[in-house]
Amino acid sequence: MHTRSQQNTLQAIFAVMVAFLAFASTSVYAVNKINKVKSNEPESAETKVKKQDNNKTSETTQPKFEKKPIVQWSSDINKHPINNLKECQLRSKIQTMPDGASKIRVVFVFNSKHLFVLTDGNIDTEYKNTGITIYGDKPSKRYGFNQISRKTNVVFPNFTRKHINEILAAKSIRVTLGFWPTWPTTKTTTTTVSLYGFAKVYQEFLLCVNN
């Protein structure tokens, strides 16, 4: 049996434990309430700025992938557009342009003397401001054409070294054409080819011509 003094000691310990548990419970409740109030408070301007800075940092650290331009030109032996004899040519990849009814194919072809623009459409020579335009750092230059082959192909005869030099220094070349019939469309259409990589392919073309 416990003595009276032992009973008093046990009661005192029990009372301290009860008081501690009550205090702990009250403290947890108070902390939770404070956190809840804080979560409902609107963000300060300083907090918003910090979040924006963090977002910007994460965006700037992500890798950036730049698209490398695709070379639109190649040099090979192909048939002459008019007489079908095999020759060295510098050709663009197939482009497209509307002829008023559908999309047609367009190819730029250089041989040792001329520039041809081969199409699938019936070219109408009555449209004004047609031809090719060379775009570079200097003011663009436009050259009209005066010869049609097989109704679908444009010929720029005597395409001299001067013209080639202009193209070598340019960034793109555009052809502007009108087609028949284009009703209800009654205007010219264009297609533009990048000259990225043209200079390198032109050197390959010269090797082919001189061999």
Protein backbone atom coordinates (compact mmCIF):
# COMPACT_ATOMS: atom_id res chain seq x y z
CA MET A 1 0.00 0.00 0.00
CA HIS A 2 1.12 3.54 -0.77
CA THR A 3 1.71 5.88 2.12
CA ARG A 4 -0.11 9.15 2.24
CA SER A 5 2.99 11.07 1.17
CA GLN A 6 3.40 8.82 -1.87
CA GLN A 7 -0.21 9.37 -2.86
CA ASN A 8 0.26 13.13 -2.64
CA THR A 9 3.37 12.91 -4.85
CA LEU A 10 1.56 10.85 -7.50
CA GLN A 11 -1.35 13.28 -7.52
CA ALA A 12 1.06 16.19 -7.99
CA ILE A 13 2.79 14.46 -10.91
CA PHE A 14 -0.54 13.67 -12.53
CA ALA A 15 -1.66 17.28 -12.17
CA VAL A 16 1.57 18.53 -13.82
CA MET A 17 1.10 16.12 -16.75
CA VAL A 18 -2.50 17.25 -17.28
CA ALA A 19 -1.44 20.89 -17.19
CA PHE A 20 1.39 20.23 -19.71
CA LEU A 21 -0.94 18.42 -22.13
CA ALA A 22 -3.47 21.23 -21.93
CA PHE A 23 -0.75 23.82 -22.63
CA ALA A 24 0.60 21.83 -25.57
CA SER A 25 -2.85 21.43 -27.08
CA THR A 26 -3.54 25.14 -26.70
CA SER A 27 -0.19 26.04 -28.35
CA VAL A 28 -0.78 23.77 -31.37
CA TYR A 29 -4.26 25.26 -31.84
CA ALA A 30 -2.86 28.77 -31.68
CA VAL A 31 -0.09 28.04 -34.22
CA ASN A 32 -2.56 26.46 -36.64
CA LYS A 33 -4.86 29.44 -36.32
CA ILE A 34 -2.02 31.88 -37.02
CA ASN A 35 -0.91 29.91 -40.09
CA LYS A 36 -4.47 29.81 -41.40
CA VAL A 37 -4.80 33.55 -41.00
CA LYS A 38 -1.47 34.10 -42.81
CA SER A 39 -2.52 31.84 -45.69
CA ASN A 40 -5.67 33.90 -46.18
CA GLU A 41 -3.79 37.20 -46.18
CA PRO A 42 -3.10 38.75 -49.62
CA GLU A 43 0.49 38.51 -50.84
CA SER A 44 2.61 41.57 -50.28
CA ALA A 45 4.15 43.38 -53.24
CA GLU A 46 7.60 42.22 -52.10
CA THR A 47 6.50 38.58 -52.10
CA LYS A 48 5.02 38.89 -55.59
CA VAL A 49 8.23 40.45 -56.93
CA LYS A 50 10.29 37.61 -55.43
CA LYS A 51 8.03 34.99 -57.05
CA GLN A 52 8.27 36.74 -60.42
CA ASP A 53 12.05 36.88 -60.15
CA ASN A 54 12.15 33.16 -59.35
CA ASN A 55 9.96 32.40 -62.37
CA LYS A 56 12.18 34.52 -64.64
CA THR A 57 15.27 32.75 -63.35
CA SER A 58 13.79 29.33 -64.12
CA GLU A 59 12.78 30.50 -67.61
CA THR A 60 16.22 31.88 -68.44
CA THR A 61 17.98 28.75 -67.29
CA GLN A 62 15.99 26.50 -69.63
CA PRO A 63 17.93 25.46 -72.76
CA LYS A 64 17.20 27.37 -75.95
CA PHE A 65 17.20 25.61 -79.30
CA GLU A 66 17.59 27.77 -82.40
CA LYS A 67 16.46 26.36 -85.71
CA LYS A 68 19.27 26.14 -88.21
CA PRO A 69 18.22 27.38 -91.67
CA ILE A 70 17.77 24.69 -94.28
CA VAL A 71 19.76 24.95 -97.51
CA GLN A 72 17.25 25.19 -100.36
CA TRP A 73 19.76 24.61 -103.18
CA SER A 74 21.64 21.73 -104.75
CA SER A 75 23.96 21.15 -107.72
CA ASP A 76 23.56 18.17 -110.02
CA ILE A 77 23.35 17.05 -113.64
CA ASN A 78 19.84 17.40 -115.08
CA LYS A 79 18.10 17.89 -118.39
CA HIS A 80 18.05 21.35 -119.95
CA PRO A 81 14.52 22.81 -119.51
CA ILE A 82 14.15 23.43 -123.26
CA ASN A 83 16.30 21.04 -125.31
CA ASN A 84 16.45 18.19 -122.75
CA LEU A 85 20.24 17.80 -123.10
CA LYS A 86 22.00 16.86 -119.88
CA GLU A 87 23.97 19.65 -118.22
CA CYS A 88 25.22 20.92 -114.86
CA GLN A 89 22.54 22.81 -112.99
CA LEU A 90 22.05 24.62 -109.71
CA ARG A 91 18.45 24.08 -108.60
CA SER A 92 16.25 25.16 -105.75
CA LYS A 93 14.10 22.74 -103.85
CA ILE A 94 10.51 22.59 -105.04
CA GLN A 95 8.53 25.62 -103.87
CA THR A 96 4.80 26.26 -104.22
CA MET A 97 2.65 29.21 -105.17
CA PRO A 98 -1.05 29.70 -105.97
CA ASP A 99 -2.06 30.09 -109.61
CA GLY A 100 -5.60 31.20 -108.76
CA ALA A 101 -7.08 27.72 -108.80
CA SER A 102 -4.64 25.57 -106.81
CA LYS A 103 -1.09 25.32 -105.52
CA ILE A 104 1.50 24.69 -108.21
CA ARG A 105 5.16 23.67 -108.05
CA VAL A 106 7.94 26.16 -108.76
CA VAL A 107 11.69 25.49 -109.18
CA PHE A 108 14.54 27.96 -109.79
CA VAL A 109 17.14 26.51 -112.18
CA PHE A 110 20.53 28.04 -113.06
CA ASN A 111 22.70 26.70 -115.83
CA SER A 112 25.91 28.22 -117.16
CA LYS A 113 24.07 30.92 -119.14
CA HIS A 114 20.48 31.40 -118.00
CA LEU A 115 18.09 31.39 -115.09
CA PHE A 116 14.84 29.47 -115.52
CA VAL A 117 11.79 29.43 -113.29
CA LEU A 118 9.91 26.20 -113.97
CA THR A 119 6.22 26.00 -113.00
CA ASP A 120 3.15 23.83 -113.46
CA GLY A 121 0.91 26.75 -114.42
CA ASN A 122 0.05 28.61 -117.64
CA ILE A 123 1.93 31.91 -117.35
CA ASP A 124 0.16 35.09 -118.44
CA THR A 125 2.59 37.72 -119.73
CA GLU A 126 0.06 40.57 -119.59
CA TYR A 127 0.48 41.11 -115.85
CA LYS A 128 2.68 44.05 -114.86
CA ASN A 129 5.57 44.07 -112.35
CA THR A 130 6.39 40.41 -112.89
CA GLY A 131 9.88 38.93 -112.78
CA ILE A 132 12.44 38.16 -110.10
CA THR A 133 13.45 40.36 -107.18
CA ILE A 134 16.75 39.94 -105.35
CA TYR A 135 16.65 40.95 -101.68
CA GLY A 136 19.76 41.77 -99.65
CA ASP A 137 21.22 44.47 -97.45
CA LYS A 138 21.28 46.81 -100.42
CA PRO A 139 18.08 48.01 -102.13
CA SER A 140 16.33 45.14 -103.86
CA LYS A 141 16.60 44.75 -107.62
CA ARG A 142 13.89 43.44 -109.89
CA TYR A 143 14.44 41.91 -113.32
CA GLY A 144 11.62 41.31 -115.75
CA PHE A 145 11.51 38.40 -118.17
CA ASN A 146 10.95 38.46 -121.90
CA GLN A 147 10.78 34.79 -122.78
CA ILE A 148 8.34 31.97 -121.99
CA SER A 149 9.06 28.31 -122.71
CA ARG A 150 6.29 25.72 -123.10
CA LYS A 151 3.81 28.22 -121.64
CA THR A 152 4.79 27.24 -118.10
CA ASN A 153 8.45 28.24 -117.73
CA VAL A 154 10.08 31.65 -117.48
CA VAL A 155 13.50 32.27 -119.03
CA PHE A 156 15.89 35.02 -117.93
CA PRO A 157 18.47 34.87 -120.74
CA ASN A 158 22.08 36.03 -120.44
CA PHE A 159 22.15 35.80 -116.67
CA THR A 160 25.61 37.27 -116.30
CA ARG A 161 28.25 37.24 -113.59
CA LYS A 162 26.89 40.61 -112.45
CA HIS A 163 23.53 39.04 -111.66
CA ILE A 164 25.17 36.09 -109.93
CA ASN A 165 27.24 38.43 -107.76
CA GLU A 166 24.06 40.20 -106.69
CA ILE A 167 22.52 36.86 -105.71
CA LEU A 168 25.66 35.76 -103.87
CA ALA A 169 25.45 38.92 -101.74
CA ALA A 170 21.68 38.64 -101.18
CA LYS A 171 19.49 36.85 -98.65
CA SER A 172 16.53 35.74 -100.74
CA ILE A 173 15.14 35.70 -104.26
CA ARG A 174 11.47 36.07 -105.18
CA VAL A 175 9.57 35.40 -108.37
CA THR A 176 6.35 37.27 -109.17
CA LEU A 177 4.08 35.80 -111.83
CA GLY A 178 0.55 35.99 -113.21
CA PHE A 179 -1.28 32.92 -114.48
CA TRP A 180 -4.12 32.19 -116.89
CA PRO A 181 -6.87 31.64 -116.14
CA THR A 182 -6.91 33.00 -112.60
CA TRP A 183 -10.53 34.15 -112.41
CA PRO A 184 -11.85 35.22 -109.96
CA THR A 185 -8.29 36.02 -108.77
CA THR A 186 -6.88 38.79 -110.94
CA LYS A 187 -3.51 39.54 -109.39
CA THR A 188 0.05 38.29 -109.41
CA THR A 189 1.36 35.76 -106.92
CA THR A 190 4.83 35.23 -105.50
CA THR A 191 7.11 32.68 -103.92
CA THR A 192 10.40 33.43 -102.17
CA VAL A 193 13.44 31.21 -101.65
CA SER A 194 16.11 31.74 -99.01
CA LEU A 195 19.66 32.06 -100.37
CA TYR A 196 21.19 30.55 -97.24
CA GLY A 197 23.94 28.18 -98.38
CA PHE A 198 23.68 29.30 -102.01
CA ALA A 199 27.32 30.45 -102.21
CA LYS A 200 28.68 27.04 -101.20
CA VAL A 201 26.44 25.18 -103.64
CA TYR A 202 27.38 27.66 -106.36
CA GLN A 203 31.04 26.64 -105.96
CA GLU A 204 29.99 22.99 -106.41
CA PHE A 205 28.07 24.03 -109.52
CA LEU A 206 31.17 25.76 -110.96
CA LEU A 207 33.26 22.61 -110.41
CA CYS A 208 30.64 20.61 -112.29
CA VAL A 209 30.61 23.12 -115.19
CA ASN A 210 34.39 23.29 -115.48
CA ASN A 211 34.98 19.53 -115.45
